């Protein structure tokens, strides 16, 4: 046996670990899934913007439905947005776990996704139950008060997805997914703290020329995070297919 054999064995083991991790990486699925769910929510936000009547005192917060996930929308639109995200988030996290379970059976390696789904569902449930509980426990308002901007804009769901991605990146031990989580978190925070349409105005976009007029200005805040997820998810899927041996 030569002196180089132990080093070659370690090299082979390192390559095997890398191939095993690459085989189990399936994070493109939750990226595409939540990207699609984000795009599907856009018509609800557009309808909410279109339902705002003109005149003083027109803006009134709906007090029905999941308040934190629905945002400060007018009438019943906040109700629909809030319940949409409640169902979409829980279903999205559960579908992701099923996807990883299916991938584990096929590839023979398992990604520990339990922390991911528990984190996502717990945050979603808290977003639903905290505002009603705050009526009985006034001090509880201080727990979710820091999420005020995301609450007003109805973008808290994006931040919940971002937290889930960080947990998943750790479970996957994937630097690439960590970079994606960072990019998406930046997009979610931008949509929650800034009017993204201002950037489009500087590029020459004039919503007054469109059929729905200024109602369209709500869409950039909603579509930016969703399109980041879709682009990254499709890119991850393509990269995985290219790495797969023929």
Protein backbone atom coordinates (compact mmCIF):
# COMPACT_ATOMS: atom_id res chain seq x y z
CA UNK A 1 0.00 0.00 0.00
CA UNK A 2 1.51 3.38 -0.98
CA UNK A 3 1.76 6.43 1.25
CA UNK A 4 -0.66 8.29 -1.00
CA UNK A 5 -3.54 5.90 -0.41
CA UNK A 6 -4.90 7.60 2.77
CA UNK A 7 -4.90 10.97 1.02
CA UNK A 8 -6.67 9.54 -2.01
CA UNK A 9 -9.22 7.91 0.28
CA UNK A 10 -9.91 11.24 2.01
CA UNK A 11 -10.26 12.92 -1.38
CA UNK A 12 -12.71 10.28 -2.55
CA UNK A 13 -14.71 10.64 0.65
CA UNK A 14 -14.85 14.44 0.25
CA UNK A 15 -16.04 14.09 -3.32
CA UNK A 16 -18.65 11.55 -2.21
CA UNK A 17 -19.94 13.94 0.47
CA UNK A 18 -20.21 16.75 -2.07
CA UNK A 19 -22.10 14.54 -4.51
CA UNK A 20 -24.40 13.35 -1.73
CA UNK A 21 -25.21 16.91 -0.65
CA UNK A 22 -25.80 17.93 -4.27
CA UNK A 23 -28.14 14.95 -4.73
CA UNK A 24 -30.26 15.88 -1.75
CA UNK A 25 -30.51 19.58 -2.60
CA UNK A 26 -34.07 20.20 -3.67
CA UNK A 27 -34.52 23.78 -2.55
CA UNK A 28 -35.51 24.87 -6.04
CA UNK A 29 -39.00 23.52 -5.28
CA UNK A 30 -39.91 25.82 -2.34
CA UNK A 31 -38.37 28.76 -4.20
CA UNK A 32 -40.55 28.20 -7.26
CA UNK A 33 -43.59 27.28 -5.14
CA UNK A 34 -43.54 30.44 -3.01
CA UNK A 35 -42.65 32.52 -6.06
CA UNK A 36 -45.80 31.27 -7.78
CA UNK A 37 -47.86 31.86 -4.64
CA UNK A 38 -46.54 35.42 -4.45
CA UNK A 39 -47.46 36.11 -8.06
CA UNK A 40 -50.89 34.55 -7.53
CA UNK A 41 -51.54 36.99 -4.67
CA UNK A 42 -50.98 40.02 -6.91
CA UNK A 43 -54.61 40.26 -8.17
CA UNK A 44 -55.86 40.45 -4.57
CA UNK A 45 -53.60 43.42 -3.85
CA UNK A 46 -54.64 45.06 -7.11
CA UNK A 47 -58.32 44.60 -6.22
CA UNK A 48 -57.62 46.07 -2.78
CA UNK A 49 -56.00 49.15 -4.31
CA UNK A 50 -58.85 49.54 -6.81
CA UNK A 51 -61.45 49.41 -4.03
CA UNK A 52 -60.12 52.50 -2.25
CA UNK A 53 -62.77 55.23 -2.65
CA UNK A 54 -61.80 58.82 -3.21
CA UNK A 55 -62.24 61.51 -0.61
CA UNK A 56 -61.26 62.15 3.02
CA UNK A 57 -61.64 59.33 5.49
CA UNK A 58 -61.59 56.74 2.73
CA UNK A 59 -58.82 54.63 4.25
CA UNK A 60 -60.20 52.34 6.92
CA UNK A 61 -58.60 49.19 8.21
CA UNK A 62 -60.62 46.02 7.96
CA UNK A 63 -60.85 44.39 11.40
CA UNK A 64 -61.81 40.96 10.09
CA UNK A 65 -59.59 38.12 9.05
CA UNK A 66 -55.87 37.68 9.81
CA UNK A 67 -54.90 41.30 10.44
CA UNK A 68 -51.11 41.00 10.23
CA UNK A 69 -51.17 38.97 7.01
CA UNK A 70 -53.94 41.02 5.41
CA UNK A 71 -52.49 44.47 5.91
CA UNK A 72 -54.38 47.75 6.24
CA UNK A 73 -56.72 47.15 3.32
CA UNK A 74 -60.13 48.60 2.74
CA UNK A 75 -63.32 46.67 3.42
CA UNK A 76 -63.22 42.93 2.80
CA UNK A 77 -60.05 42.99 0.69
CA UNK A 78 -57.84 42.68 3.75
CA UNK A 79 -59.94 39.70 4.78
CA UNK A 80 -59.23 37.89 1.50
CA UNK A 81 -55.53 38.76 1.45
CA UNK A 82 -55.07 37.66 5.04
CA UNK A 83 -56.77 34.31 4.61
CA UNK A 84 -55.05 33.74 1.28
CA UNK A 85 -51.64 34.03 2.91
CA UNK A 86 -52.69 31.95 5.90
CA UNK A 87 -53.66 29.05 3.66
CA UNK A 88 -50.85 29.60 1.15
CA UNK A 89 -48.08 29.73 3.76
CA UNK A 90 -49.21 26.64 5.68
CA UNK A 91 -49.84 24.69 2.48
CA UNK A 92 -46.52 25.83 1.02
CA UNK A 93 -44.50 24.68 4.04
CA UNK A 94 -46.31 21.34 4.18
CA UNK A 95 -45.87 20.73 0.45
CA UNK A 96 -42.17 21.48 0.81
CA UNK A 97 -41.82 18.83 3.51
CA UNK A 98 -43.63 16.32 1.30
CA UNK A 99 -41.29 17.24 -1.54
CA UNK A 100 -38.22 16.59 0.59
CA UNK A 101 -39.69 13.33 1.84
CA UNK A 102 -40.25 12.20 -1.76
CA UNK A 103 -36.76 13.30 -2.78
CA UNK A 104 -35.24 11.43 0.16
CA UNK A 105 -36.91 8.20 -0.91
CA UNK A 106 -35.67 8.65 -4.47
CA UNK A 107 -32.10 9.82 -3.76
CA UNK A 108 -31.48 7.84 -0.59
CA UNK A 109 -30.37 10.91 1.40
CA UNK A 110 -32.55 13.04 3.64
CA UNK A 111 -32.63 16.77 4.30
CA UNK A 112 -33.79 17.58 7.86
CA UNK A 113 -36.69 19.85 6.93
CA UNK A 114 -38.66 19.52 10.17
CA UNK A 115 -37.26 22.76 11.61
CA UNK A 116 -38.17 24.56 8.39
CA UNK A 117 -41.82 23.58 8.44
CA UNK A 118 -42.21 24.09 12.18
CA UNK A 119 -40.69 27.58 11.98
CA UNK A 120 -42.88 28.60 9.05
CA UNK A 121 -46.14 27.28 10.47
CA UNK A 122 -45.50 28.65 13.97
CA UNK A 123 -44.77 32.14 12.59
CA UNK A 124 -47.90 31.97 10.42
CA UNK A 125 -50.11 30.92 13.33
CA UNK A 126 -48.64 33.67 15.52
CA UNK A 127 -49.40 36.24 12.81
CA UNK A 128 -53.02 35.08 12.83
CA UNK A 129 -53.64 34.83 16.58
CA UNK A 130 -51.59 37.67 18.08
CA UNK A 131 -53.85 40.60 17.05
CA UNK A 132 -57.06 39.01 18.46
CA UNK A 133 -55.25 38.03 21.65
CA UNK A 134 -53.98 41.58 22.02
CA UNK A 135 -57.53 42.73 22.69
CA UNK A 136 -57.55 40.64 25.87
CA UNK A 137 -53.87 41.22 26.70
CA UNK A 138 -53.06 44.83 25.70
CA UNK A 139 -49.33 44.47 26.39
CA UNK A 140 -49.16 41.75 23.74
CA UNK A 141 -49.34 44.47 21.10
CA UNK A 142 -45.69 45.25 21.79
CA UNK A 143 -44.73 41.82 20.44
CA UNK A 144 -45.92 42.51 16.91
CA UNK A 145 -45.67 46.31 16.89
CA UNK A 146 -42.16 46.19 15.31
CA UNK A 147 -43.76 44.60 12.24
CA UNK A 148 -45.82 47.77 11.72
CA UNK A 149 -44.58 48.61 8.20
CA UNK A 150 -45.06 45.06 6.95
CA UNK A 151 -48.49 45.01 8.56
CA UNK A 152 -49.56 48.24 6.86
CA UNK A 153 -48.38 47.03 3.44
CA UNK A 154 -49.58 43.45 3.85
CA UNK A 155 -46.08 42.07 3.22
CA UNK A 156 -45.46 40.19 6.47
CA UNK A 157 -45.89 36.90 4.61
CA UNK A 158 -42.75 37.72 2.60
CA UNK A 159 -40.72 38.05 5.80
CA UNK A 160 -42.07 34.73 7.11
CA UNK A 161 -40.93 33.08 3.88
CA UNK A 162 -37.51 34.72 4.30
CA UNK A 163 -37.08 33.32 7.82
CA UNK A 164 -38.01 29.88 6.51
CA UNK A 165 -35.36 30.13 3.78
CA UNK A 166 -32.64 30.86 6.34
CA UNK A 167 -33.68 27.79 8.35
CA UNK A 168 -33.72 25.70 5.18
CA UNK A 169 -30.29 26.98 4.10
CA UNK A 170 -28.87 25.77 7.39
CA UNK A 171 -30.57 22.39 7.04
CA UNK A 172 -29.29 22.05 3.47
CA UNK A 173 -25.81 23.27 4.44
CA UNK A 174 -25.94 25.17 1.19
CA UNK A 175 -23.96 28.42 0.73
CA UNK A 176 -25.87 28.98 -2.51
CA UNK A 177 -29.22 28.87 -0.73
CA UNK A 178 -27.86 31.20 1.95
CA UNK A 179 -27.00 33.72 -0.78
CA UNK A 180 -30.49 33.30 -2.24
CA UNK A 181 -32.02 33.77 1.22
CA UNK A 182 -29.99 36.97 1.63
CA UNK A 183 -31.13 38.31 -1.75
CA UNK A 184 -34.75 37.45 -1.05
CA UNK A 185 -34.63 38.94 2.45
CA UNK A 186 -33.32 42.18 0.95
CA UNK A 187 -36.16 42.18 -1.60
CA UNK A 188 -38.77 41.43 1.09
CA UNK A 189 -37.47 44.20 3.35
CA UNK A 190 -37.37 46.63 0.42
CA UNK A 191 -40.99 45.82 -0.43
CA UNK A 192 -41.95 46.24 3.24
CA UNK A 193 -40.13 49.50 3.92
CA UNK A 194 -40.05 51.33 0.59
CA UNK A 195 -42.33 52.08 -2.35
CA UNK A 196 -40.66 50.02 -5.05
CA UNK A 197 -42.67 51.76 -7.74
CA UNK A 198 -40.52 54.86 -7.17
CA UNK A 199 -37.64 53.02 -8.81
CA UNK A 200 -39.81 52.32 -11.85
CA UNK A 201 -40.91 55.95 -12.02
CA UNK A 202 -37.26 56.93 -12.41
CA UNK A 203 -37.00 54.51 -15.32
CA UNK A 204 -39.90 56.23 -17.07
CA UNK A 205 -42.88 54.11 -16.00
CA UNK A 206 -46.12 56.07 -16.12
CA UNK A 207 -48.99 54.05 -14.59
CA UNK A 208 -51.51 56.69 -15.65
CA UNK A 209 -51.29 55.28 -19.17
CA UNK A 210 -52.45 51.81 -18.08
CA UNK A 211 -56.13 50.75 -17.84
CA UNK A 212 -56.08 50.51 -14.04
CA UNK A 213 -54.13 53.75 -13.61
CA UNK A 214 -52.42 54.30 -10.29
CA UNK A 215 -53.84 51.09 -8.85
CA UNK A 216 -50.97 49.31 -10.65
CA UNK A 217 -48.46 50.96 -8.31
CA UNK A 218 -49.20 48.32 -5.65
CA UNK A 219 -47.84 45.53 -7.86
CA UNK A 220 -44.06 46.23 -7.80
CA UNK A 221 -43.97 45.75 -4.02
CA UNK A 222 -45.72 42.39 -4.37
CA UNK A 223 -44.04 41.07 -7.51
CA UNK A 224 -40.43 41.96 -6.69
CA UNK A 225 -39.97 39.33 -3.93
CA UNK A 226 -41.99 36.76 -5.89
CA UNK A 227 -39.92 37.22 -9.05
CA UNK A 228 -36.68 36.94 -7.06
CA UNK A 229 -37.86 33.56 -5.77
CA UNK A 230 -38.95 32.39 -9.22
CA UNK A 231 -35.70 33.43 -10.89
CA UNK A 232 -33.55 31.82 -8.19
CA UNK A 233 -35.67 28.68 -8.10
CA UNK A 234 -35.55 28.15 -11.85
CA UNK A 235 -31.82 28.87 -11.83
CA UNK A 236 -31.28 26.30 -9.05
CA UNK A 237 -33.33 23.73 -10.97
CA UNK A 238 -31.29 24.32 -14.13
CA UNK A 239 -28.01 24.07 -12.22
CA UNK A 240 -29.12 20.81 -10.61
CA UNK A 241 -30.06 19.32 -13.97
CA UNK A 242 -26.70 20.33 -15.47
CA UNK A 243 -24.79 18.72 -12.58
CA UNK A 244 -26.74 15.49 -12.84
CA UNK A 245 -24.71 12.74 -14.53
CA UNK A 246 -25.99 11.48 -17.85
